Amino acid sequence: MPAAFSPISPSLTLPAPPDLPASEVFALIAALDPAGIAVTALSGALLAARMRQTFVTMAFFAVVTGVGGGTVRDLLIGAPVFWVHNAWTAPVCLGAALIVWFSPARWWQGEGTKVIEWADAAGLGAYAVLGTAKALALGVAPVPAALMGVITGCVGGVIRDVIAGRPSIIMRPELYVTPAALAAAISAGGHMAGFANVVVWPMAALAGFGLRGAAIHWQLRLPGYGPQDKGDT
């Protein structure tokens, strides 16, 4: 009987671009991951600050938002859950919560401020790229790898919103998943084309951040299904 397919089997590993070995891909991910986690955790801590929660709640929001997407990604691709085996992940998330806790409350509590949205946008673009890159380095095919990037970028924010008891960002018409998908697609496409990751990753992250930023600034939305007449129910 043939052996069961394993997405992370060494014999099936998708090669990295020729100018950057797979070991260096993981090294770059390890170097950049703390920044992506910090920004994503910051958005969770900021939401708790806006809701005037305790530090325990703030720290919990920071951790869940920071590691939620990456945890789901690792479980789906059969990889060790990244933050369980890294000593720096929890301190980074808690550090983001401490920064928010000891900063002036007026920075975060006004409903008109967009700090949460912009922090989330930065984390969305960065994490979508890093999630795609990790999946590719573990031998996942490009299209599923891009989907893993979208999950990595979006799921933490979804979990944050659900726990906070507010409508999830993916249930609102504003562009959110689409910027993550753009960043992930550019990352996977650049890998398939053999371009250097050190060039593709920043471009992909900036593209995702730029589209999400444009959606925040200009209220860009996707159309809903069906007619939008006043008589619709």
C-alpha atoms as a PDB file:
ATOM      1  CA  MET A   1       0.000   0.000   0.000  1.00  0.00           C
ATOM      2  CA  PRO A   2       1.458   3.385  -0.922  1.00  0.00           C
ATOM      3  CA  ALA A   3       2.445   5.673   1.917  1.00  0.00           C
ATOM      4  CA  ALA A   4       0.014   8.385   2.905  1.00  0.00           C
ATOM      5  CA  PHE A   5       0.755  11.798   1.497  1.00  0.00           C
ATOM      6  CA  SER A   6       2.393  14.148   3.950  1.00  0.00           C
ATOM      7  CA  PRO A   7       2.562  17.854   3.057  1.00  0.00           C
ATOM      8  CA  ILE A   8       5.804  18.250   4.957  1.00  0.00           C
ATOM      9  CA  SER A   9       7.523  15.126   3.650  1.00  0.00           C
ATOM     10  CA  PRO A  10      11.138  15.986   2.725  1.00  0.00           C
ATOM     11  CA  SER A  11      10.795  14.200  -0.615  1.00  0.00           C
ATOM     12  CA  LEU A  12       7.869  16.431  -1.546  1.00  0.00           C
ATOM     13  CA  THR A  13       9.261  19.712  -0.301  1.00  0.00           C
ATOM     14  CA  LEU A  14       8.743  22.526  -2.775  1.00  0.00           C
ATOM     15  CA  PRO A  15      12.164  24.059  -3.477  1.00  0.00           C
ATOM     16  CA  ALA A  16      12.901  27.609  -2.444  1.00  0.00           C
ATOM     17  CA  PRO A  17      14.111  30.058  -5.101  1.00  0.00           C
ATOM     18  CA  PRO A  18      17.575  29.088  -6.263  1.00  0.00           C
ATOM     19  CA  ASP A  19      19.298  32.096  -4.720  1.00  0.00           C
ATOM     20  CA  LEU A  20      17.903  31.496  -1.212  1.00  0.00           C
ATOM     21  CA  PRO A  21      18.086  27.985   0.330  1.00  0.00           C
ATOM     22  CA  ALA A  22      15.189  26.703   2.427  1.00  0.00           C
ATOM     23  CA  SER A  23      17.272  26.981   5.598  1.00  0.00           C
ATOM     24  CA  GLU A  24      17.696  30.687   4.922  1.00  0.00           C
ATOM     25  CA  VAL A  25      13.945  31.012   4.333  1.00  0.00           C
ATOM     26  CA  PHE A  26      13.336  29.721   7.850  1.00  0.00           C
ATOM     27  CA  ALA A  27      16.064  32.002   9.188  1.00  0.00           C
ATOM     28  CA  LEU A  28      14.386  35.048   7.620  1.00  0.00           C
ATOM     29  CA  ILE A  29      10.982  33.982   8.935  1.00  0.00           C
ATOM     30  CA  ALA A  30      12.435  33.580  12.427  1.00  0.00           C
ATOM     31  CA  ALA A  31      13.982  37.057  12.203  1.00  0.00           C
ATOM     32  CA  LEU A  32      10.839  38.795  10.914  1.00  0.00           C
ATOM     33  CA  ASP A  33       8.160  36.877  12.820  1.00  0.00           C
ATOM     34  CA  PRO A  34       8.552  38.839  16.094  1.00  0.00           C
ATOM     35  CA  ALA A  35       7.744  42.099  14.304  1.00  0.00           C
ATOM     36  CA  GLY A  36       4.603  40.660  12.732  1.00  0.00           C
ATOM     37  CA  ILE A  37       3.479  39.152  16.017  1.00  0.00           C
ATOM     38  CA  ALA A  38       4.156  42.394  17.913  1.00  0.00           C
ATOM     39  CA  VAL A  39       2.048  44.510  15.571  1.00  0.00           C
ATOM     40  CA  THR A  40      -0.766  41.962  15.503  1.00  0.00           C
ATOM     41  CA  ALA A  41      -0.723  41.602  19.296  1.00  0.00           C
ATOM     42  CA  LEU A  42      -0.766  45.391  19.575  1.00  0.00           C
ATOM     43  CA  SER A  43      -4.096  45.542  17.752  1.00  0.00           C
ATOM     44  CA  GLY A  44      -5.579  43.118  20.285  1.00  0.00           C
ATOM     45  CA  ALA A  45      -4.243  45.108  23.218  1.00  0.00           C
ATOM     46  CA  LEU A  46      -5.544  48.339  21.699  1.00  0.00           C
ATOM     47  CA  LEU A  47      -9.051  46.939  21.400  1.00  0.00           C
ATOM     48  CA  ALA A  48      -8.986  45.981  25.083  1.00  0.00           C
ATOM     49  CA  ALA A  49      -7.800  49.507  25.899  1.00  0.00           C
ATOM     50  CA  ARG A  50     -10.634  51.026  23.908  1.00  0.00           C
ATOM     51  CA  MET A  51     -13.052  48.813  25.845  1.00  0.00           C
ATOM     52  CA  ARG A  52     -11.438  49.905  29.162  1.00  0.00           C
ATOM     53  CA  GLN A  53     -10.630  46.336  30.191  1.00  0.00           C
ATOM     54  CA  THR A  54      -8.224  45.083  32.868  1.00  0.00           C
ATOM     55  CA  PHE A  55      -4.600  44.246  32.132  1.00  0.00           C
ATOM     56  CA  VAL A  56      -5.397  40.530  32.278  1.00  0.00           C
ATOM     57  CA  THR A  57      -7.959  40.943  29.499  1.00  0.00           C
ATOM     58  CA  MET A  58      -5.587  43.160  27.560  1.00  0.00           C
ATOM     59  CA  ALA A  59      -2.784  40.601  27.775  1.00  0.00           C
ATOM     60  CA  PHE A  60      -5.158  37.811  26.759  1.00  0.00           C
ATOM     61  CA  PHE A  61      -6.364  39.790  23.743  1.00  0.00           C
ATOM     62  CA  ALA A  62      -2.756  40.489  22.755  1.00  0.00           C
ATOM     63  CA  VAL A  63      -1.726  36.838  22.951  1.00  0.00           C
ATOM     64  CA  VAL A  64      -4.804  35.467  21.190  1.00  0.00           C
ATOM     65  CA  THR A  65      -4.573  38.006  18.394  1.00  0.00           C
ATOM     66  CA  GLY A  66      -0.826  37.572  18.014  1.00  0.00           C
ATOM     67  CA  VAL A  67      -0.739  33.779  17.789  1.00  0.00           C
ATOM     68  CA  GLY A  68      -4.257  32.849  16.643  1.00  0.00           C
ATOM     69  CA  GLY A  69      -3.705  32.831  12.896  1.00  0.00           C
ATOM     70  CA  GLY A  70      -0.302  31.150  13.074  1.00  0.00           C
ATOM     71  CA  THR A  71      -1.667  28.465  15.399  1.00  0.00           C
ATOM     72  CA  VAL A  72      -4.466  27.532  12.991  1.00  0.00           C
ATOM     73  CA  ARG A  73      -1.992  27.526  10.083  1.00  0.00           C
ATOM     74  CA  ASP A  74       0.431  25.190  11.842  1.00  0.00           C
ATOM     75  CA  LEU A  75      -2.333  22.805  12.854  1.00  0.00           C
ATOM     76  CA  LEU A  76      -3.626  22.653   9.277  1.00  0.00           C
ATOM     77  CA  ILE A  77      -0.248  21.970   7.661  1.00  0.00           C
ATOM     78  CA  GLY A  78       0.845  19.500  10.340  1.00  0.00           C
ATOM     79  CA  ALA A  79       3.723  21.602  11.658  1.00  0.00           C
ATOM     80  CA  PRO A  80       4.645  22.107  15.330  1.00  0.00           C
ATOM     81  CA  VAL A  81       2.667  25.045  16.695  1.00  0.00           C
ATOM     82  CA  PHE A  82       5.228  27.828  16.458  1.00  0.00           C
ATOM     83  CA  TRP A  83       4.673  29.718  19.693  1.00  0.00           C
ATOM     84  CA  VAL A  84       4.719  26.591  21.890  1.00  0.00           C
ATOM     85  CA  HIS A  85       8.353  25.978  20.941  1.00  0.00           C
ATOM     86  CA  ASN A  86       9.618  29.574  20.952  1.00  0.00           C
ATOM     87  CA  ALA A  87      10.482  31.327  24.184  1.00  0.00           C
ATOM     88  CA  TRP A  88      10.086  34.849  22.741  1.00  0.00           C
ATOM     89  CA  THR A  89       6.507  34.715  21.408  1.00  0.00           C
ATOM     90  CA  ALA A  90       4.571  35.139  24.657  1.00  0.00           C
ATOM     91  CA  PRO A  91       6.922  37.872  25.963  1.00  0.00           C
ATOM     92  CA  VAL A  92       6.492  39.806  22.700  1.00  0.00           C
ATOM     93  CA  CYS A  93       2.703  39.682  23.037  1.00  0.00           C
ATOM     94  CA  LEU A  94       2.824  40.621  26.706  1.00  0.00           C
ATOM     95  CA  GLY A  95       5.255  43.419  25.894  1.00  0.00           C
ATOM     96  CA  ALA A  96       2.749  44.877  23.436  1.00  0.00           C
ATOM     97  CA  ALA A  97       0.105  44.776  26.162  1.00  0.00           C
ATOM     98  CA  LEU A  98       2.451  46.511  28.628  1.00  0.00           C
ATOM     99  CA  ILE A  99       3.205  49.287  26.124  1.00  0.00           C
ATOM    100  CA  VAL A 100      -0.490  49.984  25.688  1.00  0.00           C
ATOM    101  CA  TRP A 101      -1.245  49.703  29.422  1.00  0.00           C
ATOM    102  CA  PHE A 102       1.348  52.304  30.425  1.00  0.00           C
ATOM    103  CA  SER A 103       0.656  54.723  27.577  1.00  0.00           C
ATOM    104  CA  PRO A 104      -1.865  57.597  27.831  1.00  0.00           C
ATOM    105  CA  ALA A 105      -5.447  56.312  27.643  1.00  0.00           C
ATOM    106  CA  ARG A 106      -6.499  59.185  25.384  1.00  0.00           C
ATOM    107  CA  TRP A 107      -4.439  57.678  22.570  1.00  0.00           C
ATOM    108  CA  TRP A 108      -6.702  54.654  22.242  1.00  0.00           C
ATOM    109  CA  GLN A 109     -10.136  55.215  23.728  1.00  0.00           C
ATOM    110  CA  GLY A 110     -11.668  57.614  21.214  1.00  0.00           C
ATOM    111  CA  GLU A 111     -13.962  55.848  18.784  1.00  0.00           C
ATOM    112  CA  GLY A 112     -12.724  58.127  16.026  1.00  0.00           C
ATOM    113  CA  THR A 113      -9.124  56.938  16.250  1.00  0.00           C
ATOM    114  CA  LYS A 114      -7.871  54.544  13.614  1.00  0.00           C
ATOM    115  CA  VAL A 115      -4.799  53.297  15.488  1.00  0.00           C
ATOM    116  CA  ILE A 116      -6.272  49.822  15.934  1.00  0.00           C
ATOM    117  CA  GLU A 117      -7.177  49.598  12.272  1.00  0.00           C
ATOM    118  CA  TRP A 118      -3.727  50.708  11.083  1.00  0.00           C
ATOM    119  CA  ALA A 119      -1.909  48.374  13.469  1.00  0.00           C
ATOM    120  CA  ASP A 120      -4.130  45.555  12.283  1.00  0.00           C
ATOM    121  CA  ALA A 121      -3.417  46.476   8.649  1.00  0.00           C
ATOM    122  CA  ALA A 122       0.338  46.293   9.211  1.00  0.00           C
ATOM    123  CA  GLY A 123       0.044  42.925  10.943  1.00  0.00           C
ATOM    124  CA  LEU A 124      -2.301  41.653   8.240  1.00  0.00           C
ATOM    125  CA  GLY A 125       0.159  42.313   5.419  1.00  0.00           C
ATOM    126  CA  ALA A 126       3.204  41.018   7.273  1.00  0.00           C
ATOM    127  CA  TYR A 127       1.582  37.889   8.639  1.00  0.00           C
ATOM    128  CA  ALA A 128      -0.050  36.936   5.332  1.00  0.00           C
ATOM    129  CA  VAL A 129       3.395  36.924   3.729  1.00  0.00           C
ATOM    130  CA  LEU A 130       5.120  35.061   6.564  1.00  0.00           C
ATOM    131  CA  GLY A 131       2.348  32.469   6.713  1.00  0.00           C
ATOM    132  CA  THR A 132       2.606  31.834   2.981  1.00  0.00           C
ATOM    133  CA  ALA A 133       6.390  31.630   3.151  1.00  0.00           C
ATOM    134  CA  LYS A 134       6.342  29.095   5.979  1.00  0.00           C
ATOM    135  CA  ALA A 135       3.805  26.899   4.202  1.00  0.00           C
ATOM    136  CA  LEU A 136       5.845  26.986   0.995  1.00  0.00           C
ATOM    137  CA  ALA A 137       9.047  26.143   2.848  1.00  0.00           C
ATOM    138  CA  LEU A 138       7.293  23.109   4.375  1.00  0.00           C
ATOM    139  CA  GLY A 139       6.321  21.768   0.978  1.00  0.00           C
ATOM    140  CA  VAL A 140       2.735  22.992   0.694  1.00  0.00           C
ATOM    141  CA  ALA A 141       1.640  23.686  -2.885  1.00  0.00           C
ATOM    142  CA  PRO A 142       1.442  27.385  -3.871  1.00  0.00           C
ATOM    143  CA  VAL A 143      -2.359  27.829  -3.856  1.00  0.00           C
ATOM    144  CA  PRO A 144      -2.945  26.124  -0.475  1.00  0.00           C
ATOM    145  CA  ALA A 145       0.124  27.949   0.827  1.00  0.00           C
ATOM    146  CA  ALA A 146      -1.450  31.278  -0.148  1.00  0.00           C
ATOM    147  CA  LEU A 147      -4.616  30.236   1.685  1.00  0.00           C
ATOM    148  CA  MET A 148      -2.479  29.483   4.730  1.00  0.00           C
ATOM    149  CA  GLY A 149      -1.152  33.030   4.429  1.00  0.00           C
ATOM    150  CA  VAL A 150      -4.691  34.420   4.442  1.00  0.00           C
ATOM    151  CA  ILE A 151      -5.541  32.330   7.498  1.00  0.00           C
ATOM    152  CA  THR A 152      -2.384  33.469   9.268  1.00  0.00           C
ATOM    153  CA  GLY A 153      -3.158  37.116   8.585  1.00  0.00           C
ATOM    154  CA  CYS A 154      -6.881  37.117   9.336  1.00  0.00           C
ATOM    155  CA  VAL A 155      -7.804  34.502  11.923  1.00  0.00           C
ATOM    156  CA  GLY A 156      -6.182  36.264  14.887  1.00  0.00           C
ATOM    157  CA  GLY A 157      -8.309  39.346  14.237  1.00  0.00           C
ATOM    158  CA  VAL A 158     -11.418  37.220  13.815  1.00  0.00           C
ATOM    159  CA  ILE A 159     -10.837  35.479  17.165  1.00  0.00           C
ATOM    160  CA  ARG A 160     -10.196  38.871  18.792  1.00  0.00           C
ATOM    161  CA  ASP A 161     -13.494  40.270  17.519  1.00  0.00           C
ATOM    162  CA  VAL A 162     -15.493  37.204  18.537  1.00  0.00           C
ATOM    163  CA  ILE A 163     -14.103  37.262  22.087  1.00  0.00           C
ATOM    164  CA  ALA A 164     -14.766  41.010  22.294  1.00  0.00           C
ATOM    165  CA  GLY A 165     -18.389  40.407  21.347  1.00  0.00           C
ATOM    166  CA  ARG A 166     -18.337  42.678  18.330  1.00  0.00           C
ATOM    167  CA  PRO A 167     -19.155  41.849  14.678  1.00  0.00           C
ATOM    168  CA  SER A 168     -16.252  40.011  13.100  1.00  0.00           C
ATOM    169  CA  ILE A 169     -14.273  41.947  10.525  1.00  0.00           C
ATOM    170  CA  ILE A 170     -14.929  39.270   7.899  1.00  0.00           C
ATOM    171  CA  MET A 171     -18.684  39.809   8.295  1.00  0.00           C
ATOM    172  CA  ARG A 172     -18.373  43.455   7.333  1.00  0.00           C
ATOM    173  CA  PRO A 173     -18.145  44.594   3.687  1.00  0.00           C
ATOM    174  CA  GLU A 174     -14.902  46.544   4.098  1.00  0.00           C
ATOM    175  CA  LEU A 175     -11.807  45.065   2.482  1.00  0.00           C
ATOM    176  CA  TYR A 176      -9.963  42.805   4.931  1.00  0.00           C
ATOM    177  CA  VAL A 177      -9.526  39.287   3.588  1.00  0.00           C
ATOM    178  CA  THR A 178      -8.864  40.701   0.115  1.00  0.00           C
ATOM    179  CA  PRO A 179      -5.665  42.573   1.147  1.00  0.00           C
ATOM    180  CA  ALA A 180      -4.405  39.433   2.899  1.00  0.00           C
ATOM    181  CA  ALA A 181      -5.152  37.417  -0.223  1.00  0.00           C
ATOM    182  CA  LEU A 182      -3.270  39.951  -2.362  1.00  0.00           C
ATOM    183  CA  ALA A 183      -0.191  39.779  -0.147  1.00  0.00           C
ATOM    184  CA  ALA A 184      -0.303  35.979  -0.031  1.00  0.00           C
ATOM    185  CA  ALA A 185      -0.797  35.673  -3.801  1.00  0.00           C
ATOM    186  CA  ILE A 186       2.164  37.940  -4.559  1.00  0.00           C
ATOM    187  CA  SER A 187       4.315  35.976  -2.122  1.00  0.00           C
ATOM    188  CA  ALA A 188       3.351  32.607  -3.629  1.00  0.00           C
ATOM    189  CA  GLY A 189       3.575  33.928  -7.189  1.00  0.00           C
ATOM    190  CA  GLY A 190       7.043  35.343  -6.621  1.00  0.00           C
ATOM    191  CA  HIS A 191       8.143  32.001  -5.206  1.00  0.00           C
ATOM    192  CA  MET A 192       6.819  30.150  -8.262  1.00  0.00           C
ATOM    193  CA  ALA A 193       8.580  32.606 -10.565  1.00  0.00           C
ATOM    194  CA  GLY A 194      11.874  32.073  -8.721  1.00  0.00           C
ATOM    195  CA  PHE A 195      12.286  35.647  -7.566  1.00  0.00           C
ATOM    196  CA  ALA A 196      14.346  36.378  -4.460  1.00  0.00           C
ATOM    197  CA  ASN A 197      12.260  36.280  -1.290  1.00  0.00           C
ATOM    198  CA  VAL A 198      14.077  39.323   0.045  1.00  0.00           C
ATOM    199  CA  VAL A 199      12.505  41.252  -2.833  1.00  0.00           C
ATOM    200  CA  VAL A 200       9.117  39.535  -3.035  1.00  0.00           C
ATOM    201  CA  TRP A 201       8.260  39.572   0.669  1.00  0.00           C
ATOM    202  CA  PRO A 202       8.501  43.349   1.224  1.00  0.00           C
ATOM    203  CA  MET A 203       6.574  44.012  -1.994  1.00  0.00           C
ATOM    204  CA  ALA A 204       3.833  41.568  -0.991  1.00  0.00           C
ATOM    205  CA  ALA A 205       3.543  42.934   2.544  1.00  0.00           C
ATOM    206  CA  LEU A 206       3.395  46.523   1.286  1.00  0.00           C
ATOM    207  CA  ALA A 207       0.742  45.605  -1.283  1.00  0.00           C
ATOM    208  CA  GLY A 208      -1.454  44.015   1.377  1.00  0.00           C
ATOM    209  CA  PHE A 209      -0.906  46.891   3.782  1.00  0.00           C
ATOM    210  CA  GLY A 210      -1.527  49.449   1.035  1.00  0.00           C
ATOM    211  CA  LEU A 211      -4.833  47.918  -0.047  1.00  0.00           C
ATOM    212  CA  ARG A 212      -6.034  47.589   3.536  1.00  0.00           C
ATOM    213  CA  GLY A 213      -4.900  51.150   4.237  1.00  0.00           C
ATOM    214  CA  ALA A 214      -6.797  52.407   1.190  1.00  0.00           C
ATOM    215  CA  ALA A 215      -9.899  50.586   2.437  1.00  0.00           C
ATOM    216  CA  ILE A 216      -9.541  52.259   5.846  1.00  0.00           C
ATOM    217  CA  HIS A 217      -8.959  55.727   4.409  1.00  0.00           C
ATOM    218  CA  TRP A 218     -11.518  55.698   1.581  1.00  0.00           C
ATOM    219  CA  GLN A 219     -14.022  53.253   3.073  1.00  0.00           C
ATOM    220  CA  LEU A 220     -13.575  50.798   0.203  1.00  0.00           C
ATOM    221  CA  ARG A 221     -16.104  47.994   0.308  1.00  0.00           C
ATOM    222  CA  LEU A 222     -17.029  44.887  -1.624  1.00  0.00           C
ATOM    223  CA  PRO A 223     -20.561  44.751  -3.050  1.00  0.00           C
ATOM    224  CA  GLY A 224     -23.041  42.495  -1.283  1.00  0.00           C
ATOM    225  CA  TYR A 225     -24.979  39.724  -2.930  1.00  0.00           C
ATOM    226  CA  GLY A 226     -28.257  40.494  -4.694  1.00  0.00           C
ATOM    227  CA  PRO A 227     -30.170  43.721  -5.322  1.00  0.00           C
ATOM    228  CA  GLN A 228     -29.865  46.532  -2.827  1.00  0.00           C
ATOM    229  CA  ASP A 229     -33.359  47.997  -3.171  1.00  0.00           C
ATOM    230  CA  LYS A 230     -35.004  49.549  -0.162  1.00  0.00           C
ATOM    231  CA  GLY A 231     -37.678  46.895  -0.174  1.00  0.00           C
ATOM    232  CA  ASP A 232     -35.219  44.046   0.261  1.00  0.00           C
ATOM    233  CA  THR A 233     -35.381  42.053   3.479  1.00  0.00           C
END
